Amino acid sequence: MEKVRTSKIAHYVDKLAVSSEPGLTNAQSMLTNHDLKPVEPERRQWGAWNFVGFWIADSFNINTWMISSSMIIGGLSWWQSWLCVWIGYLISGTFICMTGRIGATYHISFPVASRASFGIWGSLWPVFNRAAMACIWYGVQAWIGGECVTLMIRAIWTRYTDLPNSMPASSGTNTRDFLSFFLFWLCSLPAIFVPVQKIRHLFTVKAYFVPVAGVAYFIWAIVKAHGIGPIVHQPSTLHGSDLGWAMIKGIMSSIANFATLIVNDFDVARFARKPRDALWSQFITIPVGFAVTSFIGIIVSSSSTIIYGKPMWNPLDLLSNFLDGANSGERFGVFIIATAFALAQLGTNIAANSISAGTDMTALLPRYLNIRRGGYICAGVGLAMNPWQLLSSNNNFTTYLSAYSVFLSSIAGVIICDYYIVRKGYYQITELYSAKETSPYYFWFGFHWRGYTAYMAGILINIVGFVGAIGRPVPIGAQYIYNLNFFCGFLVAAGTYYLLCRFFPIPATSDRWMEVGDEITDVNVAYAGSNTYDEESATGSDHLKDGGKESDVRERKIAQDFS
């Protein structure tokens, strides 16, 4: 009887398994499935204009407005805030292109690329780290989306504000706000079902509709403030070193806003038709798109001081004030703008959070999870957490952003240094799916100690400053370092990794620039399907290194099918 029950359980468990290549060993089944393999040519459907639309759509979200507006609240003038935005997002665009090229060249996701830097099994911690952060961020963005829903309903049904509250004060929210949050969360679920290569159409729609609504809001705020003159003449309230550090913090907040996207870009860029499609389209669109959105946010936030006598860092708060005593035409305007913001939040949540979390969870349990299932788990975690606590004030919000970038900057530093400096663009793709001890990415029991040492060094440089950011007394020097948290974490991690690899060489590197991703059409990773591959003939190179020494690449056995 017990055997029958066990067999039934095994039968249902097997039913839950996702599709994967036949002939995989148990160890390999923990490393690959259809969503983890390099994207085959028929699914590479993202062209340059798709990336332009993607970033224009992503730039028009409330989070971007909040960051630029919080600089105004912190004492900067409008032009000082905007300068911080330009610098911050130009730097962010550079990092995005660096990670995106890896995905666009080899058509692999972040979890797979991280195996080269942290080891076949060691990569699971950075992957889990990013997945957890994405789930938290999903909840935050969904909560902001819920605020949009509140405005949409209020514009139609004005008494929605007076909805009876049945939630205790200790919860930190009320029935109305939680209901709006749940409605946005529920309406987001169908978008998670759409495959990544097809979700680009959502961003195309968003890229047309949302910017128009944003410009309309911008004009409306200026009209209510009786022109742009009173807005732009508001001076900075900071001087000297306080002003300098406030601008540095503003730049770092802009970069921190991209901390997740810097390591996420693999997951979208892997669907590019060719690497060039993910280069200039992103490098130009990111700073321009986000600077325009931030300018609107800065002016709108500054207008609140003129109109209501107090600054409002959340554009939805200002829009909510527009509803007070509004006529039917004004209520309709609020409804359209709030709808646009809700669409913006939906697109941002899918692009920045559910896709990345889904991809990461696929790597954590590839036999049973794919991107779609992982995306729904991410949505469940976002519902279960308390995102409103992070948005209770702009101080909590910026502190969270900084903490977020501390961990991800170290990961980005290791991966970028590994790919561009240590390996010079060379990956052995099928070895990234191999659990054999002979794999060049197996290192020490599947963990790359150099990668982890560098990762910890990048975190430790910022840890004392982070303690100070949450209210504990720390030396002033640690605070200054933490003000530059992303740069410090990235540079220390990258520098440490380079030095360790210099003194303790790693296998599967090249002594000249050599990307071989263009040759990949389909990859079979099952050991039984392995074939001997003459890499020198394919690449025209004899510059590969193994453990720091030249080796005969013709003797390498690489399980790879480039047919």
Protein backbone atom coordinates (compact mmCIF):
# COMPACT_ATOMS: atom_id res chain seq x y z
CA MET A 1 0.00 0.00 0.00
CA GLU A 2 2.85 2.34 0.87
CA LYS A 3 4.50 1.62 -2.48
CA VAL A 4 1.28 2.51 -4.28
CA ARG A 5 1.06 5.83 -2.45
CA THR A 6 4.71 6.56 -3.21
CA SER A 7 4.26 5.76 -6.88
CA LYS A 8 1.23 8.04 -7.07
CA ILE A 9 3.14 10.89 -5.44
CA ALA A 10 6.03 10.34 -7.85
CA HIS A 11 3.57 10.36 -10.75
CA TYR A 12 2.09 13.71 -9.75
CA VAL A 13 5.54 15.17 -9.05
CA ASP A 14 6.67 14.16 -12.54
CA LYS A 15 3.57 15.85 -13.93
CA LEU A 16 4.85 19.12 -12.47
CA ALA A 17 8.20 18.84 -14.25
CA VAL A 18 8.82 21.33 -17.06
CA SER A 19 10.09 20.42 -20.52
CA SER A 20 13.82 19.85 -20.90
CA GLU A 21 16.29 18.15 -23.17
CA PRO A 22 16.17 14.31 -23.03
CA GLY A 23 19.16 12.35 -21.74
CA LEU A 24 20.09 14.71 -18.89
CA THR A 25 21.68 13.31 -15.74
CA ASN A 26 20.20 14.17 -12.35
CA ALA A 27 22.92 16.78 -11.81
CA GLN A 28 22.29 18.33 -15.22
CA SER A 29 18.56 18.46 -14.57
CA MET A 30 19.45 20.91 -11.79
CA LEU A 31 21.28 23.13 -14.29
CA THR A 32 19.10 23.39 -17.38
CA ASN A 33 15.67 23.46 -18.92
CA HIS A 34 14.16 25.12 -21.98
CA ASP A 35 14.17 28.62 -20.42
CA LEU A 36 17.79 28.34 -19.24
CA LYS A 37 19.33 27.19 -22.53
CA PRO A 38 20.70 29.77 -24.99
CA VAL A 39 17.87 31.35 -26.95
CA GLU A 40 17.54 29.68 -30.34
CA PRO A 41 17.38 31.92 -33.48
CA GLU A 42 13.59 31.70 -33.93
CA ARG A 43 13.03 33.29 -30.49
CA ARG A 44 15.53 36.11 -31.02
CA GLN A 45 12.89 38.67 -31.94
CA TRP A 46 14.03 41.88 -30.23
CA GLY A 47 15.36 44.48 -32.69
CA ALA A 48 16.93 47.87 -31.91
CA TRP A 49 13.58 49.70 -31.95
CA ASN A 50 12.11 47.17 -29.51
CA PHE A 51 14.83 48.14 -27.04
CA VAL A 52 14.13 51.85 -27.65
CA GLY A 53 10.44 51.30 -26.94
CA PHE A 54 11.28 49.17 -23.93
CA TRP A 55 13.38 51.87 -22.26
CA ILE A 56 11.07 54.75 -23.18
CA ALA A 57 8.25 52.76 -21.62
CA ASP A 58 10.32 51.85 -18.58
CA SER A 59 11.48 55.43 -17.99
CA PHE A 60 7.93 56.69 -17.50
CA ASN A 61 7.25 55.13 -14.12
CA ILE A 62 6.51 56.64 -10.74
CA ASN A 63 9.70 55.32 -9.19
CA THR A 64 11.75 57.51 -11.56
CA TRP A 65 9.62 60.54 -10.61
CA MET A 66 10.08 59.78 -6.91
CA ILE A 67 13.88 59.64 -7.12
CA SER A 68 14.20 62.96 -8.92
CA SER A 69 11.56 64.53 -6.69
CA SER A 70 13.27 63.33 -3.52
CA MET A 71 16.34 65.34 -4.57
CA ILE A 72 14.16 68.49 -4.52
CA ILE A 73 12.90 67.56 -1.07
CA GLY A 74 16.53 67.04 -0.02
CA GLY A 75 17.33 70.68 -0.81
CA LEU A 76 18.59 70.75 -4.42
CA SER A 77 17.30 73.19 -7.01
CA TRP A 78 15.59 71.85 -10.13
CA TRP A 79 18.65 72.16 -12.38
CA GLN A 80 20.97 70.59 -9.82
CA SER A 81 18.61 67.63 -9.53
CA TRP A 82 18.39 67.29 -13.29
CA LEU A 83 22.18 67.38 -13.64
CA CYS A 84 22.41 64.52 -11.13
CA VAL A 85 19.88 62.59 -13.20
CA TRP A 86 21.83 63.03 -16.46
CA ILE A 87 25.10 61.92 -14.90
CA GLY A 88 23.54 59.02 -12.99
CA TYR A 89 21.61 57.56 -15.90
CA LEU A 90 24.49 58.03 -18.36
CA ILE A 91 26.63 55.91 -16.06
CA SER A 92 23.78 53.42 -15.65
CA GLY A 93 23.37 53.15 -19.43
CA THR A 94 27.06 52.27 -19.73
CA PHE A 95 26.71 49.45 -17.20
CA ILE A 96 23.52 48.24 -18.90
CA CYS A 97 25.28 47.96 -22.25
CA MET A 98 28.17 46.06 -20.66
CA THR A 99 25.95 43.37 -19.16
CA GLY A 100 23.49 43.41 -22.04
CA ARG A 101 26.23 42.61 -24.54
CA ILE A 102 26.94 39.34 -22.74
CA GLY A 103 23.30 38.28 -23.03
CA ALA A 104 22.97 39.53 -26.62
CA THR A 105 26.18 37.77 -27.74
CA TYR A 106 25.74 34.37 -26.11
CA HIS A 107 21.94 34.56 -25.69
CA ILE A 108 22.15 33.38 -22.08
CA SER A 109 20.46 34.69 -18.95
CA PHE A 110 22.01 36.10 -15.77
CA PRO A 111 21.89 32.77 -13.84
CA VAL A 112 23.88 31.02 -16.57
CA ALA A 113 26.42 33.82 -17.06
CA SER A 114 27.04 33.99 -13.30
CA ARG A 115 28.21 30.35 -13.36
CA ALA A 116 31.41 31.44 -15.10
CA SER A 117 32.16 33.92 -12.31
CA PHE A 118 30.87 32.15 -9.20
CA GLY A 119 30.96 28.47 -10.17
CA ILE A 120 28.35 26.00 -11.36
CA TRP A 121 26.80 25.65 -7.90
CA GLY A 122 28.22 28.81 -6.36
CA SER A 123 26.13 30.88 -8.75
CA LEU A 124 22.98 29.86 -6.86
CA TRP A 125 23.59 32.40 -4.08
CA PRO A 126 23.82 35.48 -6.36
CA VAL A 127 20.81 34.12 -8.23
CA PHE A 128 18.83 33.67 -5.00
CA ASN A 129 19.95 37.11 -3.84
CA ARG A 130 18.65 38.75 -7.01
CA ALA A 131 15.42 36.70 -6.96
CA ALA A 132 14.67 37.76 -3.38
CA MET A 133 15.35 41.41 -4.18
CA ALA A 134 13.15 41.23 -7.29
CA CYS A 135 10.27 39.78 -5.27
CA ILE A 136 10.52 42.60 -2.73
CA TRP A 137 10.74 45.18 -5.50
CA TYR A 138 7.73 43.60 -7.23
CA GLY A 139 5.67 44.26 -4.10
CA VAL A 140 6.88 47.87 -3.91
CA GLN A 141 5.99 48.58 -7.53
CA ALA A 142 2.63 46.83 -7.14
CA TRP A 143 1.85 48.97 -4.10
CA ILE A 144 2.60 52.12 -6.09
CA GLY A 145 0.38 50.72 -8.84
CA GLY A 146 -2.35 50.30 -6.22
CA GLU A 147 -2.14 54.02 -5.50
CA CYS A 148 -2.85 54.60 -9.19
CA VAL A 149 -5.92 52.37 -8.92
CA THR A 150 -7.10 54.40 -5.92
CA LEU A 151 -6.97 57.58 -7.99
CA MET A 152 -8.74 55.90 -10.92
CA ILE A 153 -11.61 54.79 -8.68
CA ARG A 154 -11.76 58.12 -6.84
CA ALA A 155 -12.04 59.94 -10.16
CA ILE A 156 -15.19 57.91 -10.89
CA TRP A 157 -16.55 57.31 -7.41
CA THR A 158 -15.57 60.20 -5.15
CA ARG A 159 -16.75 58.45 -1.98
CA TYR A 160 -14.14 55.73 -2.37
CA THR A 161 -11.99 57.83 -0.03
CA ASP A 162 -14.50 57.18 2.76
CA LEU A 163 -14.45 53.38 2.38
CA PRO A 164 -14.80 51.91 5.92
CA ASN A 165 -11.52 50.63 7.35
CA SER A 166 -11.42 47.17 8.92
CA MET A 167 -7.64 46.85 9.27
CA PRO A 168 -5.85 47.62 12.57
CA ALA A 169 -3.58 50.65 12.87
CA SER A 170 -0.61 48.34 13.51
CA SER A 171 -0.89 47.02 9.93
CA GLY A 172 0.41 50.30 8.56
CA THR A 173 -2.32 50.57 5.92
CA ASN A 174 -6.10 50.61 5.56
CA THR A 175 -8.80 48.68 3.71
CA ARG A 176 -9.07 51.13 0.81
CA ASP A 177 -5.36 51.18 0.01
CA PHE A 178 -4.96 47.43 0.42
CA LEU A 179 -7.97 46.78 -1.82
CA SER A 180 -6.47 48.98 -4.53
CA PHE A 181 -3.14 47.19 -4.14
CA PHE A 182 -4.85 43.81 -4.49
CA LEU A 183 -6.79 44.91 -7.58
CA PHE A 184 -3.58 46.06 -9.30
CA TRP A 185 -1.82 42.85 -8.28
CA LEU A 186 -4.69 40.74 -9.61
CA CYS A 187 -4.85 42.57 -12.95
CA SER A 188 -1.08 42.10 -13.38
CA LEU A 189 -1.26 38.31 -13.37
CA PRO A 190 -2.23 37.81 -17.05
CA ALA A 191 0.85 39.79 -18.20
CA ILE A 192 3.15 37.29 -16.45
CA PHE A 193 1.71 34.54 -18.66
CA VAL A 194 3.02 36.16 -21.88
CA PRO A 195 6.39 34.74 -23.14
CA VAL A 196 9.35 37.10 -22.84
CA GLN A 197 9.97 37.28 -26.59
CA LYS A 198 6.37 38.50 -27.12
CA ILE A 199 6.01 40.84 -24.14
CA ARG A 200 7.74 43.53 -26.21
CA HIS A 201 4.33 44.50 -27.63
CA LEU A 202 3.22 45.65 -24.15
CA PHE A 203 6.15 48.06 -24.03
CA THR A 204 5.33 49.38 -27.50
CA VAL A 205 1.80 50.30 -26.35
CA LYS A 206 3.17 51.77 -23.13
CA ALA A 207 5.78 53.81 -25.02
CA TYR A 208 3.04 55.62 -26.97
CA PHE A 209 0.40 56.11 -24.28
CA VAL A 210 2.29 56.82 -21.06
CA PRO A 211 4.61 59.65 -22.25
CA VAL A 212 1.63 61.56 -23.67
CA ALA A 213 -0.14 61.35 -20.31
CA GLY A 214 3.06 62.39 -18.54
CA VAL A 215 3.42 65.50 -20.69
CA ALA A 216 -0.25 66.35 -20.07
CA TYR A 217 0.37 66.12 -16.31
CA PHE A 218 3.45 68.32 -16.70
CA ILE A 219 1.45 71.04 -18.51
CA TRP A 220 -1.40 70.81 -16.01
CA ALA A 221 0.98 71.32 -13.06
CA ILE A 222 2.61 74.34 -14.72
CA VAL A 223 -0.80 75.92 -15.42
CA LYS A 224 -1.84 75.46 -11.79
CA ALA A 225 1.45 77.01 -10.65
CA HIS A 226 0.76 80.02 -12.95
CA GLY A 227 3.69 79.37 -15.24
CA ILE A 228 7.10 77.77 -15.01
CA GLY A 229 8.81 80.94 -13.74
CA PRO A 230 7.97 80.54 -10.03
CA ILE A 231 9.04 76.90 -10.23
CA VAL A 232 12.50 77.32 -11.75
CA HIS A 233 13.35 80.28 -9.53
CA GLN A 234 13.19 78.20 -6.35
CA PRO A 235 16.81 78.19 -5.06
CA SER A 236 18.77 75.37 -3.49
CA THR A 237 18.63 75.30 0.30
CA LEU A 238 22.10 73.70 0.57
CA HIS A 239 25.56 75.20 0.28
CA GLY A 240 29.20 74.16 0.37
CA SER A 241 30.07 70.55 1.12
CA ASP A 242 26.45 69.78 2.00
CA LEU A 243 25.46 70.70 -1.55
CA GLY A 244 28.26 68.62 -3.03
CA TRP A 245 27.38 65.50 -1.08
CA ALA A 246 23.67 65.98 -1.79
CA MET A 247 24.44 65.96 -5.52
CA ILE A 248 26.60 62.86 -5.14
CA LYS A 249 23.76 61.15 -3.29
CA GLY A 250 21.40 62.20 -6.08
CA ILE A 251 23.68 60.65 -8.70
CA MET A 252 24.00 57.46 -6.69
CA SER A 253 20.22 57.27 -6.19
CA SER A 254 19.80 57.36 -9.96
CA ILE A 255 22.34 54.56 -10.35
CA ALA A 256 20.75 52.60 -7.50
CA ASN A 257 17.46 52.80 -9.36
CA PHE A 258 19.22 50.79 -12.07
CA ALA A 259 21.03 48.36 -9.76
CA THR A 260 18.58 45.57 -10.52
CA LEU A 261 18.32 46.43 -14.22
CA ILE A 262 22.10 46.30 -14.63
CA VAL A 263 22.09 42.61 -13.74
CA ASN A 264 18.66 42.06 -15.33
CA ASP A 265 19.61 43.14 -18.83
CA PHE A 266 20.97 39.69 -19.66
CA ASP A 267 17.42 38.35 -19.43
CA VAL A 268 16.02 40.70 -22.08
CA ALA A 269 19.10 41.25 -24.24
CA ARG A 270 19.44 37.49 -24.80
CA PHE A 271 16.42 37.79 -27.12
CA ALA A 272 18.22 40.37 -29.33
CA ARG A 273 18.58 39.47 -33.01
CA LYS A 274 22.23 40.51 -32.89
CA PRO A 275 24.49 42.15 -30.27
CA ARG A 276 24.42 45.56 -32.01
CA ASP A 277 20.63 45.76 -31.48
CA ALA A 278 21.20 45.91 -27.72
CA LEU A 279 24.03 48.47 -27.80
CA TRP A 280 23.31 51.97 -29.12
CA SER A 281 19.56 51.62 -28.67
CA GLN A 282 20.10 51.23 -24.94
CA PHE A 283 23.08 53.53 -24.49
CA ILE A 284 21.26 56.53 -26.01
CA THR A 285 17.67 55.86 -24.93
CA ILE A 286 18.39 55.28 -21.24
CA PRO A 287 19.92 58.66 -20.30
CA VAL A 288 17.66 60.63 -22.66
CA GLY A 289 14.44 58.84 -21.71
CA PHE A 290 15.04 58.91 -17.98
CA ALA A 291 16.29 62.49 -18.04
CA VAL A 292 13.11 63.67 -19.78
CA THR A 293 10.92 61.74 -17.33
CA SER A 294 12.91 63.04 -14.37
CA PHE A 295 12.64 66.62 -15.66
CA ILE A 296 8.86 66.27 -15.70
CA GLY A 297 8.98 64.79 -12.20
CA ILE A 298 11.23 67.57 -10.92
CA ILE A 299 9.02 70.35 -12.32
CA VAL A 300 5.81 68.69 -11.12
CA SER A 301 7.25 68.16 -7.64
CA SER A 302 8.53 71.75 -7.51
CA SER A 303 5.12 73.03 -8.61
CA SER A 304 3.54 71.46 -5.50
CA THR A 305 5.43 73.96 -3.32
CA ILE A 306 4.00 76.84 -5.36
CA ILE A 307 0.45 75.46 -5.52
CA TYR A 308 0.00 74.01 -2.02
CA GLY A 309 2.85 75.51 -0.02
CA LYS A 310 4.53 72.17 0.67
CA PRO A 311 6.72 69.83 -1.41
CA MET A 312 5.28 66.48 -2.50
CA TRP A 313 7.83 63.89 -3.57
CA ASN A 314 5.18 61.43 -4.79
CA PRO A 315 3.47 62.64 -8.02
CA LEU A 316 0.37 60.66 -7.08
CA ASP A 317 -0.05 62.76 -3.93
CA LEU A 318 -0.13 65.90 -6.06
CA LEU A 319 -2.55 64.26 -8.50
CA SER A 320 -4.75 63.32 -5.55
CA ASN A 321 -4.88 66.98 -4.51
CA PHE A 322 -6.04 67.85 -8.02
CA LEU A 323 -9.18 65.81 -7.30
CA ASP A 324 -10.22 68.01 -4.38
CA GLY A 325 -13.08 70.14 -5.66
CA ALA A 326 -12.47 68.98 -9.24
CA ASN A 327 -15.16 69.21 -11.90
CA SER A 328 -16.06 66.31 -14.22
CA GLY A 329 -13.48 67.32 -16.84
CA GLU A 330 -10.69 67.46 -14.27
CA ARG A 331 -11.74 64.10 -12.81
CA PHE A 332 -11.56 62.60 -16.31
CA GLY A 333 -8.06 64.03 -16.70
CA VAL A 334 -6.98 62.49 -13.39
CA PHE A 335 -8.45 59.15 -14.47
CA ILE A 336 -6.48 59.13 -17.76
CA ILE A 337 -3.21 60.13 -16.09
CA ALA A 338 -3.69 57.59 -13.27
CA THR A 339 -4.45 54.89 -15.86
CA ALA A 340 -1.24 55.75 -17.69
CA PHE A 341 0.72 55.52 -14.46
CA ALA A 342 -0.89 52.15 -13.68
CA LEU A 343 0.16 50.87 -17.12
CA ALA A 344 3.64 52.24 -16.49
CA GLN A 345 3.88 50.36 -13.21
CA LEU A 346 2.66 47.16 -14.84
CA GLY A 347 5.31 47.33 -17.57
CA THR A 348 8.07 48.19 -15.11
CA ASN A 349 7.08 45.37 -12.78
CA ILE A 350 7.13 42.83 -15.60
CA ALA A 351 10.40 44.05 -17.13
CA ALA A 352 12.40 44.67 -13.98
CA ASN A 353 10.98 42.14 -11.55
CA SER A 354 8.81 39.24 -12.67
CA ILE A 355 11.01 38.31 -15.66
CA SER A 356 14.21 38.47 -13.61
CA ALA A 357 12.71 36.65 -10.61
CA GLY A 358 11.20 34.04 -12.91
CA THR A 359 14.53 33.51 -14.66
CA ASP A 360 16.32 33.20 -11.31
CA MET A 361 13.82 30.74 -9.87
CA THR A 362 14.16 28.69 -13.03
CA ALA A 363 17.86 28.34 -12.18
CA LEU A 364 17.14 27.52 -8.54
CA LEU A 365 14.78 24.64 -9.41
CA PRO A 366 14.97 24.07 -13.18
CA ARG A 367 13.25 20.70 -13.15
CA TYR A 368 9.98 22.17 -11.89
CA LEU A 369 10.12 25.90 -12.55
CA ASN A 370 10.18 27.96 -15.72
CA ILE A 371 10.07 31.74 -16.16
CA ARG A 372 6.27 31.81 -16.09
CA ARG A 373 5.94 29.78 -12.88
CA GLY A 374 8.73 31.76 -11.25
CA GLY A 375 6.98 34.98 -12.20
CA TYR A 376 3.83 33.87 -10.41
CA ILE A 377 5.81 32.91 -7.31
CA CYS A 378 7.36 36.40 -7.42
CA ALA A 379 3.87 37.92 -7.55
CA GLY A 380 2.81 35.79 -4.57
CA VAL A 381 5.76 36.98 -2.49
CA GLY A 382 5.05 40.57 -3.51
CA LEU A 383 1.51 40.20 -2.23
CA ALA A 384 2.56 38.60 1.06
CA MET A 385 5.15 41.25 2.05
CA ASN A 386 4.39 44.73 3.39
CA PRO A 387 5.64 47.05 0.64
CA TRP A 388 3.93 50.12 2.09
CA GLN A 389 6.43 50.10 4.96
CA LEU A 390 9.27 50.87 2.52
CA LEU A 391 7.35 53.82 1.06
CA SER A 392 6.32 55.42 4.35
CA SER A 393 8.83 58.22 3.76
CA ASN A 394 11.40 59.23 1.18
CA ASN A 395 14.16 58.40 3.71
CA ASN A 396 13.04 54.76 3.94
CA PHE A 397 12.77 54.59 0.19
CA THR A 398 16.26 55.91 -0.59
CA THR A 399 17.80 53.82 2.23
CA TYR A 400 16.29 50.70 0.69
CA LEU A 401 17.60 51.64 -2.75
CA SER A 402 21.11 52.12 -1.38
CA ALA A 403 21.07 48.80 0.47
CA TYR A 404 19.83 47.12 -2.68
CA SER A 405 22.73 48.45 -4.74
CA VAL A 406 25.36 47.33 -2.20
CA PHE A 407 24.76 43.65 -2.97
CA LEU A 408 24.11 43.94 -6.69
CA SER A 409 27.09 46.21 -7.37
CA SER A 410 29.44 43.50 -6.07
CA ILE A 411 27.80 40.88 -8.28
CA ALA A 412 28.02 43.17 -11.33
CA GLY A 413 31.67 43.97 -10.56
CA VAL A 414 32.69 40.32 -10.51
CA ILE A 415 30.75 39.34 -13.67
CA ILE A 416 31.83 42.35 -15.76
CA CYS A 417 35.50 42.00 -14.75
CA ASP A 418 35.37 38.26 -15.44
CA TYR A 419 33.89 38.67 -18.93
CA TYR A 420 35.68 41.77 -20.24
CA ILE A 421 39.07 41.67 -18.52
CA VAL A 422 39.83 38.13 -17.38
CA ARG A 423 38.16 36.00 -20.10
CA LYS A 424 38.15 38.68 -22.82
CA GLY A 425 34.68 37.72 -24.01
CA TYR A 426 35.27 33.98 -24.21
CA TYR A 427 32.74 31.46 -22.82
CA GLN A 428 32.53 27.72 -23.38
CA ILE A 429 28.77 27.62 -23.52
CA THR A 430 27.98 23.94 -22.97
CA GLU A 431 30.43 23.77 -20.07
CA LEU A 432 28.18 26.28 -18.28
CA TYR A 433 25.61 23.46 -18.14
CA SER A 434 28.04 20.73 -17.05
CA ALA A 435 28.20 19.35 -13.52
CA LYS A 436 31.38 17.38 -14.26
CA GLU A 437 34.44 18.10 -12.14
CA THR A 438 36.42 18.52 -15.36
CA SER A 439 34.30 21.52 -16.37
CA PRO A 440 36.37 24.76 -16.40
CA TYR A 441 33.56 26.38 -14.40
CA TYR A 442 33.37 23.70 -11.70
CA PHE A 443 36.31 25.16 -9.74
CA TRP A 444 36.25 23.88 -6.12
CA PHE A 445 33.23 21.63 -5.55
CA GLY A 446 31.28 23.88 -7.92
CA PHE A 447 32.19 27.09 -6.08
CA HIS A 448 34.57 29.77 -7.35
CA TRP A 449 36.41 31.05 -4.29
CA ARG A 450 37.92 34.00 -6.19
CA GLY A 451 34.45 35.22 -7.19
CA TYR A 452 33.12 34.89 -3.67
CA THR A 453 36.13 36.60 -2.10
CA ALA A 454 35.72 39.55 -4.46
CA TYR A 455 31.94 39.62 -3.86
CA MET A 456 32.42 39.80 -0.08
CA ALA A 457 35.09 42.48 -0.43
CA GLY A 458 32.67 44.62 -2.42
CA ILE A 459 30.05 44.29 0.30
CA LEU A 460 32.39 44.83 3.25
CA ILE A 461 33.61 48.20 1.92
CA ASN A 462 30.03 49.49 2.33
CA ILE A 463 28.75 47.58 5.34
CA VAL A 464 29.81 50.09 8.02
CA GLY A 465 28.27 52.97 6.08
CA PHE A 466 25.05 51.01 5.69
CA VAL A 467 24.84 50.61 9.46
CA GLY A 468 25.13 54.40 9.68
CA ALA A 469 22.38 54.85 7.08
CA ILE A 470 19.91 52.98 9.30
CA GLY A 471 20.61 55.27 12.25
CA ARG A 472 23.66 53.91 14.10
CA PRO A 473 26.68 56.17 14.81
CA VAL A 474 29.63 55.36 12.51
CA PRO A 475 32.84 57.22 11.51
CA ILE A 476 32.37 60.02 9.02
CA GLY A 477 34.72 58.30 6.57
CA ALA A 478 32.42 55.28 6.41
CA GLN A 479 29.51 57.59 5.61
CA TYR A 480 31.43 59.18 2.74
CA ILE A 481 32.29 55.75 1.33
CA TYR A 482 28.67 54.68 1.59
CA ASN A 483 27.58 57.79 -0.28
CA LEU A 484 29.48 56.25 -3.21
CA ASN A 485 28.16 52.77 -2.46
CA PHE A 486 27.62 51.43 -5.99
CA PHE A 487 31.00 52.62 -7.27
CA CYS A 488 32.84 51.41 -4.17
CA GLY A 489 31.19 48.00 -4.27
CA PHE A 490 31.71 47.59 -8.01
CA LEU A 491 35.32 48.76 -8.13
CA VAL A 492 36.45 46.85 -5.04
CA ALA A 493 34.79 43.64 -6.22
CA ALA A 494 36.13 43.99 -9.78
CA GLY A 495 39.64 44.94 -8.61
CA THR A 496 39.82 42.11 -6.08
CA TYR A 497 38.62 39.58 -8.65
CA TYR A 498 41.17 40.72 -11.23
CA LEU A 499 44.08 40.48 -8.79
CA LEU A 500 43.04 37.03 -7.58
CA CYS A 501 42.73 35.75 -11.15
CA ARG A 502 46.08 37.35 -11.98
CA PHE A 503 47.89 35.52 -9.20
CA PHE A 504 45.75 32.37 -9.32
CA PRO A 505 44.88 31.90 -13.04
CA ILE A 506 41.61 30.27 -14.07
CA PRO A 507 40.88 27.98 -17.04
CA ALA A 508 38.86 28.73 -20.20
CA THR A 509 40.26 32.21 -20.87
CA SER A 510 41.76 33.92 -23.90
CA ASP A 511 44.76 36.21 -24.27
CA ARG A 512 42.95 38.35 -26.85
CA TRP A 513 39.34 39.46 -27.37
CA MET A 514 37.34 36.46 -28.59
CA GLU A 515 33.55 36.26 -28.49
CA VAL A 516 32.24 33.07 -30.12
CA GLY A 517 28.54 33.58 -29.44
CA ASP A 518 27.68 34.36 -33.06
CA GLU A 519 28.23 30.72 -33.95
CA ILE A 520 25.55 29.44 -31.58
CA THR A 521 22.33 28.27 -33.19
CA ASP A 522 21.27 25.34 -31.03
CA VAL A 523 22.97 23.73 -28.07
CA ASN A 524 22.68 20.14 -26.84
CA VAL A 525 24.00 19.81 -23.31
CA ALA A 526 23.21 16.17 -22.46
CA TYR A 527 26.43 14.21 -21.93
CA ALA A 528 25.21 11.45 -24.24
CA GLY A 529 24.90 13.99 -27.04
CA SER A 530 28.41 15.36 -26.62
CA ASN A 531 30.57 15.73 -29.68
CA THR A 532 34.22 16.58 -30.13
CA TYR A 533 34.45 20.12 -31.43
CA ASP A 534 37.48 21.74 -33.05
CA GLU A 535 37.26 25.21 -31.55
CA GLU A 536 40.35 26.50 -33.28
CA SER A 537 38.75 25.85 -36.66
CA ALA A 538 35.53 27.55 -35.60
CA THR A 539 37.15 30.65 -34.14
CA GLY A 540 40.35 30.86 -36.16
CA SER A 541 42.21 31.29 -32.90
CA ASP A 542 44.96 29.52 -31.04
CA HIS A 543 44.94 32.08 -28.26
CA LEU A 544 42.93 30.13 -25.70
CA LYS A 545 44.45 29.60 -22.29
CA ASP A 546 43.85 26.86 -19.76
CA GLY A 547 44.93 27.60 -16.23
CA GLY A 548 47.13 30.41 -17.53
CA LYS A 549 49.06 28.20 -20.00
CA GLU A 550 48.63 27.69 -23.74
CA SER A 551 46.88 24.42 -24.60
CA ASP A 552 46.00 22.51 -27.73
CA VAL A 553 42.36 23.43 -28.28
CA ARG A 554 41.91 20.54 -30.72
CA GLU A 555 42.04 18.15 -27.79
CA ARG A 556 39.22 19.92 -25.94
CA LYS A 557 36.00 17.95 -25.81
CA ILE A 558 33.12 20.43 -25.95
CA ALA A 559 29.54 19.24 -25.92
CA GLN A 560 28.25 21.80 -28.36
CA ASP A 561 26.19 21.75 -31.53
CA PHE A 562 26.54 24.84 -33.69
CA SER A 563 24.54 23.41 -36.54
